[in-house]
Amino acid sequence: MTYSFERRLANLEAENRRLRRRTGWLTALLLSVPLLGAARVFEHFAEVRAERFVLTDAKGVERGVFELVGEGHPQLVMRDPDGGDRMILAADPQTAYLLFKDQKLKNRLGLAVDQFPHVLLHDEQQLPRIHLSVGVDGASNVLLHDGELFTLGMGIDKDGKIWRKPEIDREMEARAAAGETGERRAPIVPPAEVEAGSGKKGGG
C-alpha cells in the first residue's frame, strides 16, 4: 500500500514537472509573437514618405512643421508655445537659408548661400546692420549699415588688396570724375530671402 502511494506521488510530481516545462515554452512562444510583430513593423517603416510632418505639444499647438512650400521647396519651421515662427530652414533652386527670429518674431539673424555665403544681423526694425560675405573670386567683406546704407566696411578683394569703406567710395567717385571705369570690389546686396524672411507669423 505504501509503495503504491509513493509511486503515484512520484508520477504526479513527474507530470507536474512536464506541465511546468510545457507552460514555460508556451509562455515564451506567446511573448515572442508581439516582439516578432514589432520587428516586422519597424522593418516595414524603416523609410517613411510624406509631404508634411507636424510636431504638436500636449495642448495640440503646432511646434514644428516640415513640409513642401511654393513650387515644392522643402521648409522646416520651429515655433514657440504660441505658434509663432522662431526658426526657418529652407531651400529652393536659388538659395538655401536659415533665419532666426526674436521673441517678438522679428528677423534678427540670417544665414544664406546663393552664389555666395552671407551672414546678416538685423536690428529691432529688421534692418540689416551687419553683413558678412565672401564674394567674387573669394573676396571677403564686412559691411556695417546705418539704417539706410552700408556706410562702413572693409574686406580683401580678389587680388588680395585691403579695401575700406568709405575710402573705396571716394576712390570710385574720383575714378568716375576722371572718366575711368571700375567695378565695385565688394558685392553688398544681401539675399532677399534672408532679408524678408517667411512663415505665417514672421513679423514682416
N, C-alpha and C. Protein backbone atom coordinates (compact mmCIF):
# COMPACT_ATOMS: atom_id res chain seq x y z
N MET A 1 0.83 -1.20 0.00
CA MET A 1 0.00 0.00 0.00
C MET A 1 0.87 1.26 0.00
N THR A 2 1.89 1.23 0.85
CA THR A 2 2.80 2.39 0.91
C THR A 2 3.53 2.56 -0.40
N TYR A 3 3.97 1.47 -0.99
CA TYR A 3 4.70 1.53 -2.27
C TYR A 3 3.81 2.12 -3.35
N SER A 4 2.54 1.68 -3.36
CA SER A 4 1.62 2.17 -4.39
C SER A 4 1.40 3.68 -4.24
N PHE A 5 1.27 4.16 -2.99
CA PHE A 5 1.07 5.59 -2.76
C PHE A 5 2.29 6.40 -3.18
N GLU A 6 3.49 5.92 -2.81
CA GLU A 6 4.72 6.62 -3.17
C GLU A 6 4.90 6.64 -4.68
N ARG A 7 4.50 5.57 -5.33
CA ARG A 7 4.64 5.51 -6.80
C ARG A 7 3.71 6.52 -7.46
N ARG A 8 2.47 6.58 -6.95
CA ARG A 8 1.53 7.55 -7.52
C ARG A 8 2.03 8.98 -7.28
N LEU A 9 2.59 9.23 -6.10
CA LEU A 9 3.12 10.56 -5.79
C LEU A 9 4.26 10.94 -6.72
N ALA A 10 5.14 9.98 -6.99
CA ALA A 10 6.26 10.24 -7.91
C ALA A 10 5.75 10.53 -9.30
N ASN A 11 4.73 9.78 -9.72
CA ASN A 11 4.17 10.01 -11.05
C ASN A 11 3.54 11.41 -11.15
N LEU A 12 2.86 11.83 -10.08
CA LEU A 12 2.25 13.16 -10.08
C LEU A 12 3.30 14.26 -10.15
N GLU A 13 4.39 14.08 -9.42
CA GLU A 13 5.47 15.08 -9.45
C GLU A 13 6.11 15.15 -10.83
N ALA A 14 6.31 13.99 -11.44
CA ALA A 14 6.89 13.97 -12.78
C ALA A 14 5.97 14.66 -13.78
N GLU A 15 4.67 14.38 -13.66
CA GLU A 15 3.70 15.02 -14.55
C GLU A 15 3.66 16.52 -14.33
N ASN A 16 3.80 16.95 -13.09
CA ASN A 16 3.82 18.38 -12.76
C ASN A 16 5.02 19.07 -13.38
N ARG A 17 6.18 18.39 -13.33
CA ARG A 17 7.38 18.97 -13.95
C ARG A 17 7.20 19.11 -15.45
N ARG A 18 6.62 18.06 -16.08
CA ARG A 18 6.39 18.13 -17.53
C ARG A 18 5.42 19.26 -17.87
N LEU A 19 4.40 19.45 -17.02
CA LEU A 19 3.42 20.51 -17.26
C LEU A 19 4.06 21.89 -17.14
N ARG A 20 4.97 22.07 -16.14
CA ARG A 20 5.64 23.36 -15.98
C ARG A 20 6.53 23.66 -17.19
N ARG A 21 7.21 22.61 -17.69
CA ARG A 21 8.06 22.83 -18.87
C ARG A 21 7.22 23.24 -20.07
N ARG A 22 6.09 22.57 -20.26
CA ARG A 22 5.22 22.90 -21.38
C ARG A 22 4.66 24.33 -21.25
N THR A 23 4.28 24.68 -20.02
CA THR A 23 3.76 26.03 -19.78
C THR A 23 4.82 27.08 -20.05
N GLY A 24 6.07 26.80 -19.65
CA GLY A 24 7.16 27.74 -19.90
C GLY A 24 7.40 27.95 -21.38
N TRP A 25 7.41 26.88 -22.16
CA TRP A 25 7.60 27.00 -23.61
C TRP A 25 6.44 27.77 -24.24
N LEU A 26 5.20 27.49 -23.77
CA LEU A 26 4.04 28.18 -24.32
C LEU A 26 4.09 29.68 -24.00
N THR A 27 4.48 30.03 -22.76
CA THR A 27 4.59 31.44 -22.38
C THR A 27 5.64 32.16 -23.22
N ALA A 28 6.78 31.51 -23.39
CA ALA A 28 7.84 32.11 -24.21
C ALA A 28 7.37 32.32 -25.64
N LEU A 29 6.61 31.35 -26.16
CA LEU A 29 6.11 31.48 -27.53
C LEU A 29 5.13 32.63 -27.64
N LEU A 30 4.21 32.74 -26.66
CA LEU A 30 3.22 33.81 -26.70
C LEU A 30 3.88 35.18 -26.58
N LEU A 31 4.92 35.29 -25.74
CA LEU A 31 5.62 36.58 -25.60
C LEU A 31 6.40 36.94 -26.84
N SER A 32 6.87 35.96 -27.57
CA SER A 32 7.68 36.25 -28.76
C SER A 32 6.85 36.74 -29.92
N VAL A 33 5.55 36.42 -29.93
CA VAL A 33 4.71 36.80 -31.08
C VAL A 33 4.64 38.32 -31.25
N PRO A 34 4.29 39.10 -30.19
CA PRO A 34 4.26 40.56 -30.39
C PRO A 34 5.63 41.14 -30.70
N LEU A 35 6.69 40.55 -30.14
CA LEU A 35 8.04 41.07 -30.44
C LEU A 35 8.38 40.86 -31.90
N LEU A 36 8.02 39.69 -32.42
CA LEU A 36 8.26 39.44 -33.84
C LEU A 36 7.43 40.37 -34.70
N GLY A 37 6.18 40.62 -34.23
CA GLY A 37 5.33 41.55 -34.97
C GLY A 37 5.90 42.95 -34.97
N ALA A 38 6.42 43.39 -33.80
CA ALA A 38 7.03 44.72 -33.71
C ALA A 38 8.25 44.82 -34.61
N ALA A 39 9.03 43.75 -34.67
CA ALA A 39 10.21 43.76 -35.53
C ALA A 39 9.79 43.93 -36.98
N ARG A 40 8.70 43.23 -37.38
CA ARG A 40 8.23 43.37 -38.75
C ARG A 40 7.72 44.78 -39.02
N VAL A 41 7.06 45.41 -38.00
CA VAL A 41 6.57 46.77 -38.17
C VAL A 41 7.72 47.74 -38.36
N PHE A 42 8.75 47.64 -37.49
CA PHE A 42 9.91 48.53 -37.62
C PHE A 42 10.61 48.33 -38.95
N GLU A 43 10.68 47.10 -39.38
CA GLU A 43 11.31 46.83 -40.68
C GLU A 43 10.50 47.45 -41.80
N HIS A 44 9.17 47.39 -41.67
CA HIS A 44 8.30 47.93 -42.71
C HIS A 44 8.38 49.45 -42.78
N PHE A 45 8.54 50.12 -41.60
CA PHE A 45 8.57 51.57 -41.56
C PHE A 45 9.98 52.12 -41.42
N ALA A 46 10.95 51.40 -41.93
CA ALA A 46 12.32 51.91 -41.90
C ALA A 46 12.43 53.18 -42.74
N GLU A 47 11.53 53.36 -43.70
CA GLU A 47 11.50 54.57 -44.51
C GLU A 47 10.07 55.10 -44.52
N VAL A 48 9.90 56.37 -44.15
CA VAL A 48 8.59 56.99 -44.11
C VAL A 48 8.54 58.10 -45.15
N ARG A 49 7.52 58.10 -45.98
CA ARG A 49 7.38 59.12 -47.02
C ARG A 49 6.10 59.91 -46.80
N ALA A 50 6.21 61.24 -46.85
CA ALA A 50 5.05 62.09 -46.68
C ALA A 50 5.37 63.47 -47.24
N GLU A 51 4.34 64.28 -47.42
CA GLU A 51 4.52 65.64 -47.91
C GLU A 51 4.53 66.67 -46.78
N ARG A 52 4.12 66.25 -45.57
CA ARG A 52 4.08 67.19 -44.45
C ARG A 52 4.16 66.44 -43.13
N PHE A 53 5.05 66.89 -42.26
CA PHE A 53 5.19 66.35 -40.90
C PHE A 53 4.90 67.48 -39.92
N VAL A 54 4.09 67.21 -38.90
CA VAL A 54 3.72 68.23 -37.92
C VAL A 54 4.05 67.72 -36.52
N LEU A 55 4.75 68.57 -35.75
CA LEU A 55 5.08 68.26 -34.36
C LEU A 55 4.18 69.12 -33.47
N THR A 56 3.40 68.48 -32.58
CA THR A 56 2.49 69.22 -31.70
C THR A 56 2.85 68.95 -30.25
N ASP A 57 2.51 69.90 -29.38
CA ASP A 57 2.74 69.71 -27.95
C ASP A 57 1.50 69.11 -27.29
N ALA A 58 1.50 69.04 -25.96
CA ALA A 58 0.39 68.41 -25.24
C ALA A 58 -0.92 69.17 -25.42
N LYS A 59 -0.85 70.47 -25.76
CA LYS A 59 -2.04 71.27 -25.95
C LYS A 59 -2.53 71.26 -27.40
N GLY A 60 -1.80 70.54 -28.25
CA GLY A 60 -2.19 70.49 -29.66
C GLY A 60 -1.65 71.62 -30.50
N VAL A 61 -0.78 72.46 -29.92
CA VAL A 61 -0.20 73.58 -30.67
C VAL A 61 0.91 73.07 -31.57
N GLU A 62 0.93 73.51 -32.83
CA GLU A 62 1.99 73.11 -33.76
C GLU A 62 3.30 73.76 -33.33
N ARG A 63 4.29 72.95 -32.98
CA ARG A 63 5.59 73.45 -32.56
C ARG A 63 6.66 73.28 -33.63
N GLY A 64 6.35 72.50 -34.63
CA GLY A 64 7.29 72.31 -35.72
C GLY A 64 6.59 71.74 -36.94
N VAL A 65 7.02 72.18 -38.12
CA VAL A 65 6.43 71.70 -39.38
C VAL A 65 7.55 71.48 -40.38
N PHE A 66 7.52 70.34 -41.02
CA PHE A 66 8.44 70.04 -42.11
C PHE A 66 7.58 69.74 -43.32
N GLU A 67 7.66 70.58 -44.34
CA GLU A 67 6.73 70.46 -45.46
C GLU A 67 7.35 71.03 -46.73
N LEU A 68 6.61 70.88 -47.82
CA LEU A 68 6.98 71.47 -49.10
C LEU A 68 6.15 72.73 -49.29
N VAL A 69 6.78 73.81 -49.70
CA VAL A 69 6.08 75.08 -49.92
C VAL A 69 6.37 75.58 -51.32
N GLY A 70 5.57 76.58 -51.75
CA GLY A 70 5.79 77.16 -53.07
C GLY A 70 5.70 76.12 -54.16
N GLU A 71 6.74 76.03 -54.94
CA GLU A 71 6.79 75.09 -56.06
C GLU A 71 7.47 73.79 -55.65
N GLY A 72 7.22 73.36 -54.42
CA GLY A 72 7.77 72.10 -53.96
C GLY A 72 9.12 72.22 -53.30
N HIS A 73 9.37 73.37 -52.64
CA HIS A 73 10.65 73.58 -51.96
C HIS A 73 10.54 73.15 -50.50
N PRO A 74 11.49 72.40 -49.98
CA PRO A 74 11.42 71.94 -48.58
C PRO A 74 11.63 73.07 -47.59
N GLN A 75 10.88 73.03 -46.49
CA GLN A 75 11.00 74.05 -45.45
C GLN A 75 10.72 73.42 -44.09
N LEU A 76 11.60 73.74 -43.13
CA LEU A 76 11.46 73.30 -41.75
C LEU A 76 11.25 74.53 -40.88
N VAL A 77 10.16 74.54 -40.10
CA VAL A 77 9.84 75.68 -39.25
C VAL A 77 9.72 75.21 -37.80
N MET A 78 10.39 75.90 -36.89
CA MET A 78 10.27 75.65 -35.46
C MET A 78 9.50 76.80 -34.84
N ARG A 79 8.50 76.49 -33.97
CA ARG A 79 7.61 77.51 -33.44
C ARG A 79 7.64 77.55 -31.91
N ASP A 80 7.26 78.72 -31.36
CA ASP A 80 7.22 78.88 -29.90
C ASP A 80 5.89 78.34 -29.36
N PRO A 81 5.69 78.38 -28.03
CA PRO A 81 4.44 77.83 -27.46
C PRO A 81 3.17 78.52 -27.96
N ASP A 82 3.28 79.75 -28.50
CA ASP A 82 2.12 80.45 -29.04
C ASP A 82 1.92 80.18 -30.52
N GLY A 83 2.79 79.37 -31.11
CA GLY A 83 2.66 79.05 -32.53
C GLY A 83 3.38 80.00 -33.45
N GLY A 84 4.17 80.93 -32.91
CA GLY A 84 4.90 81.88 -33.74
C GLY A 84 6.19 81.28 -34.27
N ASP A 85 6.52 81.57 -35.53
CA ASP A 85 7.73 81.04 -36.15
C ASP A 85 8.97 81.65 -35.50
N ARG A 86 9.89 80.81 -35.05
CA ARG A 86 11.12 81.29 -34.43
C ARG A 86 12.36 80.91 -35.24
N MET A 87 12.28 79.84 -36.00
CA MET A 87 13.41 79.42 -36.82
C MET A 87 12.89 78.83 -38.12
N ILE A 88 13.48 79.23 -39.24
CA ILE A 88 13.06 78.74 -40.55
C ILE A 88 14.29 78.28 -41.31
N LEU A 89 14.23 77.06 -41.77
CA LEU A 89 15.28 76.49 -42.61
C LEU A 89 14.64 76.09 -43.93
N ALA A 90 15.15 76.62 -45.03
CA ALA A 90 14.50 76.37 -46.32
C ALA A 90 15.54 76.35 -47.44
N ALA A 91 15.11 75.81 -48.56
CA ALA A 91 15.99 75.74 -49.74
C ALA A 91 15.14 75.75 -50.99
N ASP A 92 15.59 76.50 -51.99
CA ASP A 92 14.99 76.49 -53.32
C ASP A 92 16.12 76.45 -54.34
N PRO A 93 15.83 76.43 -55.62
CA PRO A 93 16.92 76.32 -56.60
C PRO A 93 17.94 77.45 -56.54
N GLN A 94 17.55 78.63 -56.01
CA GLN A 94 18.47 79.77 -55.97
C GLN A 94 19.19 79.92 -54.63
N THR A 95 18.49 79.65 -53.52
CA THR A 95 19.05 79.99 -52.22
C THR A 95 18.70 78.95 -51.17
N ALA A 96 19.66 78.67 -50.29
CA ALA A 96 19.39 77.92 -49.06
C ALA A 96 19.64 78.87 -47.91
N TYR A 97 18.69 78.94 -46.95
CA TYR A 97 18.86 79.91 -45.89
C TYR A 97 18.32 79.41 -44.56
N LEU A 98 18.85 80.01 -43.49
CA LEU A 98 18.44 79.73 -42.12
C LEU A 98 18.18 81.08 -41.46
N LEU A 99 16.94 81.25 -40.94
CA LEU A 99 16.54 82.54 -40.38
C LEU A 99 16.09 82.35 -38.94
N PHE A 100 16.62 83.18 -38.04
CA PHE A 100 16.24 83.16 -36.63
C PHE A 100 15.48 84.43 -36.29
N LYS A 101 14.40 84.29 -35.48
CA LYS A 101 13.60 85.43 -35.07
C LYS A 101 13.64 85.57 -33.54
N ASP A 102 13.41 86.78 -33.05
CA ASP A 102 13.43 87.00 -31.62
C ASP A 102 12.06 86.69 -31.00
N GLN A 103 11.87 87.02 -29.71
CA GLN A 103 10.62 86.71 -29.03
C GLN A 103 9.45 87.51 -29.58
N LYS A 104 9.74 88.62 -30.27
CA LYS A 104 8.69 89.40 -30.91
C LYS A 104 8.48 88.99 -32.37
N LEU A 105 9.13 87.90 -32.76
CA LEU A 105 9.01 87.35 -34.11
C LEU A 105 9.58 88.29 -35.16
N LYS A 106 10.63 89.02 -34.79
CA LYS A 106 11.33 89.88 -35.74
C LYS A 106 12.58 89.17 -36.25
N ASN A 107 12.87 89.36 -37.53
CA ASN A 107 14.07 88.77 -38.11
C ASN A 107 15.31 89.37 -37.45
N ARG A 108 16.18 88.51 -36.88
CA ARG A 108 17.36 89.04 -36.21
C ARG A 108 18.66 88.47 -36.76
N LEU A 109 18.66 87.23 -37.19
CA LEU A 109 19.89 86.62 -37.70
C LEU A 109 19.56 85.76 -38.90
N GLY A 110 20.28 85.97 -39.98
CA GLY A 110 20.06 85.18 -41.18
C GLY A 110 21.36 84.66 -41.76
N LEU A 111 21.33 83.42 -42.20
CA LEU A 111 22.46 82.83 -42.91
C LEU A 111 21.94 82.33 -44.25
N ALA A 112 22.63 82.63 -45.31
CA ALA A 112 22.15 82.23 -46.64
C ALA A 112 23.32 81.91 -47.55
N VAL A 113 23.03 81.07 -48.51
CA VAL A 113 24.00 80.76 -49.56
C VAL A 113 23.26 80.81 -50.89
N ASP A 114 23.63 81.75 -51.76
CA ASP A 114 23.15 81.75 -53.14
C ASP A 114 24.35 81.47 -54.01
N GLN A 115 24.84 82.48 -54.72
CA GLN A 115 26.14 82.31 -55.38
C GLN A 115 27.27 82.47 -54.38
N PHE A 116 26.98 83.15 -53.26
CA PHE A 116 27.98 83.41 -52.25
C PHE A 116 27.37 83.15 -50.87
N PRO A 117 28.17 82.89 -49.84
CA PRO A 117 27.65 82.77 -48.47
C PRO A 117 27.46 84.14 -47.85
N HIS A 118 26.40 84.29 -47.03
CA HIS A 118 26.09 85.54 -46.38
C HIS A 118 25.70 85.30 -44.92
N VAL A 119 26.05 86.25 -44.06
CA VAL A 119 25.57 86.29 -42.68
C VAL A 119 25.06 87.70 -42.44
N LEU A 120 23.79 87.83 -41.97
CA LEU A 120 23.22 89.14 -41.72
C LEU A 120 22.65 89.22 -40.32
N LEU A 121 22.95 90.32 -39.62
CA LEU A 121 22.39 90.60 -38.31
C LEU A 121 21.47 91.81 -38.42
N HIS A 122 20.23 91.68 -37.91
CA HIS A 122 19.21 92.71 -38.05
C HIS A 122 18.94 93.41 -36.71
N ASP A 123 18.45 94.64 -36.80
CA ASP A 123 18.03 95.34 -35.59
C ASP A 123 16.56 95.06 -35.31
N GLU A 124 15.97 95.78 -34.33
CA GLU A 124 14.57 95.53 -33.96
C GLU A 124 13.60 95.94 -35.06
N GLN A 125 14.05 96.79 -35.99
CA GLN A 125 13.20 97.15 -37.13
C GLN A 125 13.43 96.20 -38.31
N GLN A 126 14.20 95.15 -38.07
CA GLN A 126 14.50 94.13 -39.07
C GLN A 126 15.38 94.66 -40.22
N LEU A 127 16.08 95.76 -39.96
CA LEU A 127 17.03 96.27 -40.95
C LEU A 127 18.37 95.57 -40.74
N PRO A 128 19.02 95.16 -41.83
CA PRO A 128 20.34 94.53 -41.69
C PRO A 128 21.36 95.56 -41.24
N ARG A 129 22.06 95.29 -40.13
CA ARG A 129 23.06 96.22 -39.61
C ARG A 129 24.47 95.73 -39.86
N ILE A 130 24.65 94.42 -39.93
CA ILE A 130 25.97 93.85 -40.21
C ILE A 130 25.80 92.78 -41.27
N HIS A 131 26.64 92.86 -42.30
CA HIS A 131 26.59 91.89 -43.40
C HIS A 131 27.99 91.35 -43.66
N LEU A 132 28.15 90.05 -43.47
CA LEU A 132 29.42 89.39 -43.77
C LEU A 132 29.20 88.50 -44.98
N SER A 133 30.15 88.50 -45.91
CA SER A 133 30.01 87.66 -47.09
C SER A 133 31.37 87.36 -47.70
N VAL A 134 31.36 86.35 -48.54
CA VAL A 134 32.51 86.04 -49.38
C VAL A 134 32.02 86.13 -50.82
N GLY A 135 32.56 87.09 -51.57
CA GLY A 135 32.01 87.40 -52.88
C GLY A 135 32.81 86.86 -54.04
N VAL A 136 32.91 87.69 -55.06
CA VAL A 136 33.54 87.29 -56.31
C VAL A 136 34.99 86.86 -56.08
N ASP A 137 35.33 85.69 -56.62
CA ASP A 137 36.71 85.17 -56.55
C ASP A 137 37.25 85.12 -55.12
N GLY A 138 36.36 84.86 -54.15
CA GLY A 138 36.80 84.70 -52.77
C GLY A 138 37.02 85.99 -52.02
N ALA A 139 36.57 87.13 -52.57
CA ALA A 139 36.71 88.40 -51.86
C ALA A 139 35.87 88.39 -50.60
N SER A 140 36.47 88.77 -49.47
CA SER A 140 35.75 88.77 -48.19
C SER A 140 35.33 90.19 -47.84
N ASN A 141 34.12 90.30 -47.24
CA ASN A 141 33.56 91.61 -46.95
C ASN A 141 32.89 91.64 -45.58
N VAL A 142 33.07 92.76 -44.86
CA VAL A 142 32.33 93.03 -43.63
C VAL A 142 31.77 94.43 -43.79
N LEU A 143 30.42 94.56 -43.78
CA LEU A 143 29.78 95.84 -44.01
C LEU A 143 28.87 96.20 -42.84
N LEU A 144 28.87 97.48 -42.47
CA LEU A 144 28.05 97.99 -41.38
C LEU A 144 27.02 98.95 -41.94
N HIS A 145 25.77 98.78 -41.52
CA HIS A 145 24.65 99.54 -42.05
C HIS A 145 24.22 100.59 -41.02
N ASP A 146 23.89 101.81 -41.47
CA ASP A 146 23.44 102.86 -40.55
C ASP A 146 21.93 102.96 -40.48
N GLY A 147 21.22 102.03 -41.07
CA GLY A 147 19.76 102.07 -41.13
C GLY A 147 19.25 102.45 -42.49
N GLU A 148 20.11 103.06 -43.31
CA GLU A 148 19.73 103.44 -44.67
C GLU A 148 20.70 102.88 -45.70
N LEU A 149 21.99 102.95 -45.38
CA LEU A 149 23.02 102.50 -46.32
C LEU A 149 24.11 101.74 -45.56
N PHE A 150 24.85 100.94 -46.30
CA PHE A 150 26.07 100.35 -45.75
C PHE A 150 27.15 101.42 -45.80
N THR A 151 27.38 102.09 -44.69
CA THR A 151 28.28 103.26 -44.69
C THR A 151 29.71 102.93 -44.33
N LEU A 152 29.93 101.84 -43.61
CA LEU A 152 31.28 101.46 -43.22
C LEU A 152 31.51 100.00 -43.60
N GLY A 153 32.77 99.69 -43.85
CA GLY A 153 33.09 98.30 -44.17
C GLY A 153 34.54 98.13 -44.55
N MET A 154 34.92 96.88 -44.66
CA MET A 154 36.26 96.57 -45.11
C MET A 154 36.28 95.15 -45.65
N GLY A 155 37.34 94.84 -46.37
CA GLY A 155 37.46 93.50 -46.92
C GLY A 155 38.76 93.34 -47.68
N ILE A 156 38.87 92.19 -48.31
CA ILE A 156 40.04 91.89 -49.15
C ILE A 156 39.52 91.50 -50.51
N ASP A 157 39.97 92.19 -51.57
CA ASP A 157 39.45 91.89 -52.91
C ASP A 157 40.13 90.68 -53.51
N LYS A 158 39.77 90.35 -54.75
CA LYS A 158 40.26 89.14 -55.39
C LYS A 158 41.77 89.17 -55.62
N ASP A 159 42.37 90.37 -55.61
CA ASP A 159 43.83 90.50 -55.79
C ASP A 159 44.58 90.51 -54.47
N GLY A 160 43.85 90.33 -53.35
CA GLY A 160 44.49 90.32 -52.05
C GLY A 160 44.71 91.70 -51.47
N LYS A 161 44.11 92.73 -52.09
CA LYS A 161 44.29 94.09 -51.60
C LYS A 161 43.19 94.42 -50.59
N ILE A 162 43.57 95.10 -49.51
CA ILE A 162 42.62 95.51 -48.50
C ILE A 162 41.90 96.77 -48.96
N TRP A 163 40.59 96.80 -48.84
CA TRP A 163 39.82 97.99 -49.13
C TRP A 163 39.01 98.38 -47.89
N ARG A 164 38.68 99.66 -47.81
CA ARG A 164 37.88 100.16 -46.70
C ARG A 164 36.79 101.07 -47.24
N LYS A 165 35.69 101.04 -46.60
CA LYS A 165 34.60 101.92 -46.94
C LYS A 165 34.46 102.92 -45.79
N PRO A 166 34.42 104.25 -46.04
CA PRO A 166 34.05 104.92 -47.30
C PRO A 166 35.20 105.24 -48.25
N GLU A 167 36.44 104.86 -47.92
CA GLU A 167 37.56 105.18 -48.80
C GLU A 167 37.33 104.64 -50.21
N ILE A 168 36.79 103.41 -50.32
CA ILE A 168 36.57 102.83 -51.63
C ILE A 168 35.53 103.61 -52.42
N ASP A 169 34.55 104.19 -51.70
CA ASP A 169 33.55 105.00 -52.39
C ASP A 169 34.19 106.27 -52.96
N ARG A 170 35.05 106.90 -52.18
CA ARG A 170 35.72 108.10 -52.67
C ARG A 170 36.62 107.76 -53.86
N GLU A 171 37.24 106.61 -53.81
CA GLU A 171 38.09 106.18 -54.93
C GLU A 171 37.26 105.99 -56.19
N MET A 172 36.08 105.35 -56.01
CA MET A 172 35.20 105.14 -57.16
C MET A 172 34.70 106.48 -57.71
N GLU A 173 34.38 107.40 -56.82
CA GLU A 173 33.92 108.72 -57.27
C GLU A 173 35.02 109.46 -58.01
N ALA A 174 36.25 109.34 -57.52
CA ALA A 174 37.37 110.01 -58.18
C ALA A 174 37.61 109.43 -59.57
N ARG A 175 37.50 108.10 -59.68
CA ARG A 175 37.66 107.48 -60.99
C ARG A 175 36.57 107.92 -61.96
N ALA A 176 35.35 107.99 -61.42
CA ALA A 176 34.24 108.41 -62.28
C ALA A 176 34.45 109.85 -62.75
N ALA A 177 34.93 110.71 -61.84
CA ALA A 177 35.17 112.11 -62.22
C ALA A 177 36.27 112.21 -63.26
N ALA A 178 37.24 111.29 -63.19
CA ALA A 178 38.35 111.31 -64.15
C ALA A 178 37.99 110.57 -65.43
N GLY A 179 36.80 110.04 -65.52
CA GLY A 179 36.40 109.34 -66.72
C GLY A 179 36.85 107.90 -66.77
N GLU A 180 37.39 107.39 -65.66
CA GLU A 180 37.81 106.00 -65.63
C GLU A 180 36.62 105.11 -65.28
N THR A 181 36.75 103.86 -65.61
CA THR A 181 35.72 102.88 -65.27
C THR A 181 36.30 101.88 -64.29
N GLY A 182 35.47 101.36 -63.47
CA GLY A 182 35.90 100.36 -62.50
C GLY A 182 34.69 99.73 -61.86
N GLU A 183 34.85 98.53 -61.41
CA GLU A 183 33.76 97.82 -60.77
C GLU A 183 33.94 97.84 -59.26
N ARG A 184 32.84 97.91 -58.56
CA ARG A 184 32.89 97.83 -57.10
C ARG A 184 33.50 96.49 -56.70
N ARG A 185 34.41 96.51 -55.77
CA ARG A 185 35.13 95.30 -55.43
C ARG A 185 34.34 94.35 -54.54
N ALA A 186 33.32 94.87 -53.87
CA ALA A 186 32.62 94.02 -52.90
C ALA A 186 31.12 94.04 -53.16
N PRO A 187 30.51 92.91 -53.47
CA PRO A 187 29.05 92.87 -53.60
C PRO A 187 28.40 93.12 -52.24
N ILE A 188 27.46 94.07 -52.18
CA ILE A 188 26.89 94.42 -50.88
C ILE A 188 25.38 94.22 -50.85
N VAL A 189 24.82 93.51 -51.82
CA VAL A 189 23.38 93.29 -51.83
C VAL A 189 23.08 91.98 -51.11
N PRO A 190 22.42 92.04 -49.96
CA PRO A 190 22.11 90.81 -49.23
C PRO A 190 21.01 90.02 -49.93
N PRO A 191 20.95 88.70 -49.71
CA PRO A 191 19.93 87.89 -50.36
C PRO A 191 18.54 88.25 -49.87
N ALA A 192 17.58 88.33 -50.80
CA ALA A 192 16.24 88.77 -50.45
C ALA A 192 15.54 87.84 -49.48
N GLU A 193 15.83 86.54 -49.57
CA GLU A 193 15.14 85.59 -48.72
C GLU A 193 15.46 85.83 -47.25
N VAL A 194 16.71 86.06 -46.94
CA VAL A 194 17.09 86.31 -45.54
C VAL A 194 16.59 87.67 -45.11
N GLU A 195 16.56 88.62 -46.03
CA GLU A 195 16.13 89.97 -45.71
C GLU A 195 14.65 90.01 -45.35
N ALA A 196 13.82 89.30 -46.13
CA ALA A 196 12.39 89.36 -45.92
C ALA A 196 11.89 88.29 -44.97
N GLY A 197 12.50 87.13 -44.98
CA GLY A 197 12.03 86.02 -44.15
C GLY A 197 10.76 85.45 -44.73
N SER A 198 10.17 84.49 -43.98
CA SER A 198 8.93 83.87 -44.40
C SER A 198 8.27 83.25 -43.19
N GLY A 199 7.11 82.65 -43.38
CA GLY A 199 6.40 81.99 -42.29
C GLY A 199 5.13 82.73 -41.93
N LYS A 200 4.19 82.02 -41.25
CA LYS A 200 2.87 82.58 -41.01
C LYS A 200 2.89 83.73 -40.00
N LYS A 201 3.87 83.70 -39.04
CA LYS A 201 3.95 84.76 -38.05
C LYS A 201 5.36 85.32 -38.03
N GLY A 202 5.86 85.68 -39.20
CA GLY A 202 7.25 86.06 -39.32
C GLY A 202 7.57 87.45 -38.88
N GLY A 203 6.61 88.27 -38.57
CA GLY A 203 6.90 89.61 -38.13
C GLY A 203 7.42 90.49 -39.23
N GLY A 204 7.00 90.29 -40.46
CA GLY A 204 7.43 91.11 -41.58
C GLY A 204 7.62 90.26 -42.74
